[in-house]
Amino acid sequence: MKYEKKNNELHETKKNSKFYKIEKKIKILKKNIVELKKIEEKKIEKLFFRSEKDIQNAHKFSLETEISNFLPIIDSLERAIDTVKNMDSLIQEIPISLKLILNLLLNLFKEFHIRVIFDEKKLFNPDIHQAVVMIPSETIEKNNIISVMQKGYILHNRLLRAALVTVSSGKNKN
């Protein structure tokens, strides 16, 4: 009995001793370190994927400003082609040359994953179209595009410029 009592007392003393308390703190700290390490590894992994996505987007859209500078050139070429089409036959070679230049530029755009927005008789989409005028139409349904005044352009999935369009307001109610 005395032996058991002494053993219990020794055990109780051991529990209260500084060494036991320090051991207990070390175990808790080790557990906290493991948990913090897991949390930090997850943070690093998320940061890596976010950085990877940012790098991909920077690569995809790095030419956005430069390519946007080509848009007025294409617009001018298209207007020049339309203007010269109606002139006499001696000048008919000019639109052929202008079309060649325009096709070269448009092929360059395809290489850079640029799509042209030229949606006549399709449903108006405010994400890629800008309505300039709404007019009644007997043949084209309400909220569909009647004509494109200026083409729009999309780089990958990012809008460079909205297409300027005329939209149908539906049939005239007269």
Protein backbone atom coordinates (compact mmCIF):
# COMPACT_ATOMS: atom_id res chain seq x y z
CA MET A 1 0.00 0.00 0.00
CA LYS A 2 2.78 2.38 0.87
CA TYR A 3 4.43 1.52 -2.40
CA GLU A 4 1.27 2.37 -4.39
CA LYS A 5 0.86 5.61 -2.51
CA LYS A 6 4.44 6.59 -3.17
CA ASN A 7 4.06 5.64 -6.81
CA ASN A 8 0.91 7.78 -7.12
CA GLU A 9 2.62 10.65 -5.33
CA LEU A 10 5.59 10.28 -7.63
CA HIS A 11 3.27 10.26 -10.62
CA GLU A 12 1.45 13.36 -9.34
CA THR A 13 4.73 15.11 -8.67
CA LYS A 14 5.90 14.20 -12.15
CA LYS A 15 2.73 15.70 -13.65
CA ASN A 16 3.29 18.93 -11.80
CA SER A 17 6.97 19.10 -12.52
CA LYS A 18 8.39 21.68 -14.93
CA PHE A 19 9.82 18.94 -17.10
CA TYR A 20 6.40 17.38 -17.64
CA LYS A 21 4.85 20.76 -18.42
CA ILE A 22 7.58 21.53 -20.92
CA GLU A 23 7.15 18.13 -22.59
CA LYS A 24 3.42 18.77 -22.90
CA LYS A 25 4.04 22.23 -24.43
CA ILE A 26 6.52 20.73 -26.88
CA LYS A 27 3.94 18.19 -28.05
CA ILE A 28 1.35 20.93 -28.52
CA LEU A 29 3.85 23.13 -30.37
CA LYS A 30 4.88 20.25 -32.64
CA LYS A 31 1.23 19.64 -33.49
CA ASN A 32 0.74 23.36 -34.20
CA ILE A 33 3.83 23.42 -36.41
CA VAL A 34 2.51 20.51 -38.48
CA GLU A 35 -0.88 22.24 -38.89
CA LEU A 36 0.73 25.57 -39.81
CA LYS A 37 2.99 23.83 -42.30
CA LYS A 38 -0.06 22.28 -44.02
CA ILE A 39 -1.82 25.66 -44.12
CA GLU A 40 1.25 27.39 -45.57
CA GLU A 41 1.72 24.64 -48.17
CA LYS A 42 -1.88 25.18 -49.30
CA LYS A 43 -1.29 28.95 -49.48
CA ILE A 44 1.85 28.43 -51.55
CA GLU A 45 0.01 26.05 -53.87
CA LYS A 46 -2.82 28.57 -54.39
CA LEU A 47 -0.29 31.35 -54.99
CA PHE A 48 1.52 29.18 -57.53
CA PHE A 49 -1.68 28.46 -59.48
CA ARG A 50 -2.77 32.12 -59.33
CA SER A 51 0.66 33.22 -60.57
CA GLU A 52 0.53 30.64 -63.34
CA LYS A 53 -2.86 31.98 -64.44
CA ASP A 54 -1.59 35.59 -64.33
CA ILE A 55 1.39 34.63 -66.48
CA GLN A 56 -0.87 32.90 -69.00
CA ASN A 57 -3.16 35.95 -69.18
CA ALA A 58 -0.20 38.31 -69.54
CA HIS A 59 1.05 36.19 -72.43
CA LYS A 60 -2.41 35.97 -74.04
CA PHE A 61 -3.26 39.65 -73.78
CA SER A 62 0.17 41.30 -74.00
CA LEU A 63 -0.54 42.62 -77.50
CA GLU A 64 -3.99 44.00 -76.70
CA THR A 65 -2.99 47.68 -76.91
CA GLU A 66 -0.85 47.23 -80.01
CA ILE A 67 -3.54 45.25 -81.82
CA SER A 68 -6.17 47.84 -80.89
CA ASN A 69 -4.08 50.37 -82.83
CA PHE A 70 -4.67 48.31 -86.00
CA LEU A 71 -8.46 48.63 -85.78
CA PRO A 72 -8.72 52.15 -87.28
CA ILE A 73 -6.49 51.03 -90.17
CA ILE A 74 -8.86 48.17 -90.95
CA ASP A 75 -11.86 50.52 -90.67
CA SER A 76 -10.25 52.98 -93.09
CA LEU A 77 -9.37 50.26 -95.59
CA GLU A 78 -12.94 48.94 -95.52
CA ARG A 79 -14.36 52.44 -96.08
CA ALA A 80 -11.90 53.08 -98.92
CA ILE A 81 -12.90 49.81 -100.60
CA ASP A 82 -16.58 50.76 -100.38
CA THR A 83 -15.92 54.25 -101.75
CA VAL A 84 -13.77 53.18 -104.71
CA LYS A 85 -16.11 50.34 -105.79
CA ASN A 86 -18.42 52.88 -107.41
CA MET A 87 -15.76 54.64 -109.51
CA ASP A 88 -14.93 53.95 -113.19
CA SER A 89 -13.11 50.84 -114.42
CA LEU A 90 -9.60 52.42 -114.51
CA ILE A 91 -9.64 52.74 -110.80
CA GLN A 92 -10.99 49.22 -110.21
CA GLU A 93 -7.51 47.91 -109.35
CA ILE A 94 -7.41 50.02 -106.21
CA PRO A 95 -10.12 48.02 -104.39
CA ILE A 96 -8.35 44.78 -105.34
CA SER A 97 -5.11 46.06 -103.77
CA LEU A 98 -6.94 47.38 -100.71
CA LYS A 99 -8.72 44.02 -100.29
CA LEU A 100 -5.36 42.26 -100.44
CA ILE A 101 -3.98 44.51 -97.68
CA LEU A 102 -7.13 44.03 -95.63
CA ASN A 103 -6.96 40.24 -96.02
CA LEU A 104 -3.32 40.25 -94.89
CA LEU A 105 -4.26 42.18 -91.76
CA LEU A 106 -7.25 39.92 -91.05
CA ASN A 107 -5.10 36.81 -91.48
CA LEU A 108 -2.63 38.31 -89.03
CA PHE A 109 -5.52 38.82 -86.62
CA LYS A 110 -6.48 35.14 -86.94
CA GLU A 111 -2.93 34.15 -85.99
CA PHE A 112 -3.28 36.26 -82.84
CA HIS A 113 -6.68 34.68 -82.03
CA ILE A 114 -8.66 37.82 -82.81
CA ARG A 115 -12.25 37.30 -83.94
CA VAL A 116 -14.31 39.81 -85.88
CA ILE A 117 -17.80 40.67 -84.59
CA PHE A 118 -20.04 41.17 -87.62
CA ASP A 119 -23.43 39.82 -86.57
CA GLU A 120 -26.22 40.94 -88.86
CA LYS A 121 -29.71 39.48 -88.27
CA LYS A 122 -28.61 37.95 -84.97
CA LEU A 123 -29.82 38.70 -81.46
CA PHE A 124 -28.32 41.86 -79.91
CA ASN A 125 -25.78 41.00 -77.17
CA PRO A 126 -24.82 43.98 -74.97
CA ASP A 127 -21.56 42.23 -74.01
CA ILE A 128 -20.20 42.52 -77.56
CA HIS A 129 -22.52 44.99 -79.34
CA GLN A 130 -23.17 48.68 -78.82
CA ALA A 131 -26.55 49.82 -80.10
CA VAL A 132 -26.24 53.15 -81.88
CA VAL A 133 -29.75 53.28 -83.35
CA MET A 134 -33.01 51.38 -82.85
CA ILE A 135 -35.40 51.44 -85.79
CA PRO A 136 -38.60 49.57 -86.62
CA SER A 137 -38.35 46.71 -89.11
CA GLU A 138 -41.01 44.62 -90.80
CA THR A 139 -38.56 41.84 -91.66
CA ILE A 140 -36.20 41.63 -88.69
CA GLU A 141 -37.42 40.61 -85.23
CA LYS A 142 -37.25 42.90 -82.21
CA ASN A 143 -33.79 43.15 -80.56
CA ASN A 144 -32.05 41.61 -83.58
CA ILE A 145 -29.29 43.43 -85.43
CA ILE A 146 -30.28 45.10 -88.69
CA SER A 147 -26.80 46.27 -89.71
CA VAL A 148 -23.27 46.67 -88.39
CA MET A 149 -21.92 50.22 -88.65
CA GLN A 150 -18.48 49.34 -87.33
CA LYS A 151 -17.15 45.83 -86.68
CA GLY A 152 -16.09 44.76 -83.22
CA TYR A 153 -13.13 42.60 -82.26
CA ILE A 154 -12.40 39.98 -79.57
CA LEU A 155 -8.90 38.92 -78.49
CA HIS A 156 -9.19 35.36 -77.16
CA ASN A 157 -12.27 35.93 -74.96
CA ARG A 158 -11.62 39.58 -74.13
CA LEU A 159 -13.51 42.31 -75.96
CA LEU A 160 -11.19 44.78 -77.71
CA ARG A 161 -14.00 46.86 -79.19
CA ALA A 162 -17.76 46.40 -79.30
CA ALA A 163 -19.46 46.32 -82.68
CA LEU A 164 -21.54 49.45 -83.38
CA VAL A 165 -24.92 48.21 -84.59
CA THR A 166 -28.42 49.22 -85.66
CA VAL A 167 -31.04 47.20 -83.77
CA SER A 168 -34.62 46.41 -84.68
CA SER A 169 -37.32 47.78 -82.38
CA GLY A 170 -39.80 45.36 -83.93
CA LYS A 171 -42.67 45.94 -86.33
CA ASN A 172 -44.07 49.43 -86.70
CA LYS A 173 -47.32 49.73 -84.69
CA ASN A 174 -49.14 52.00 -87.19
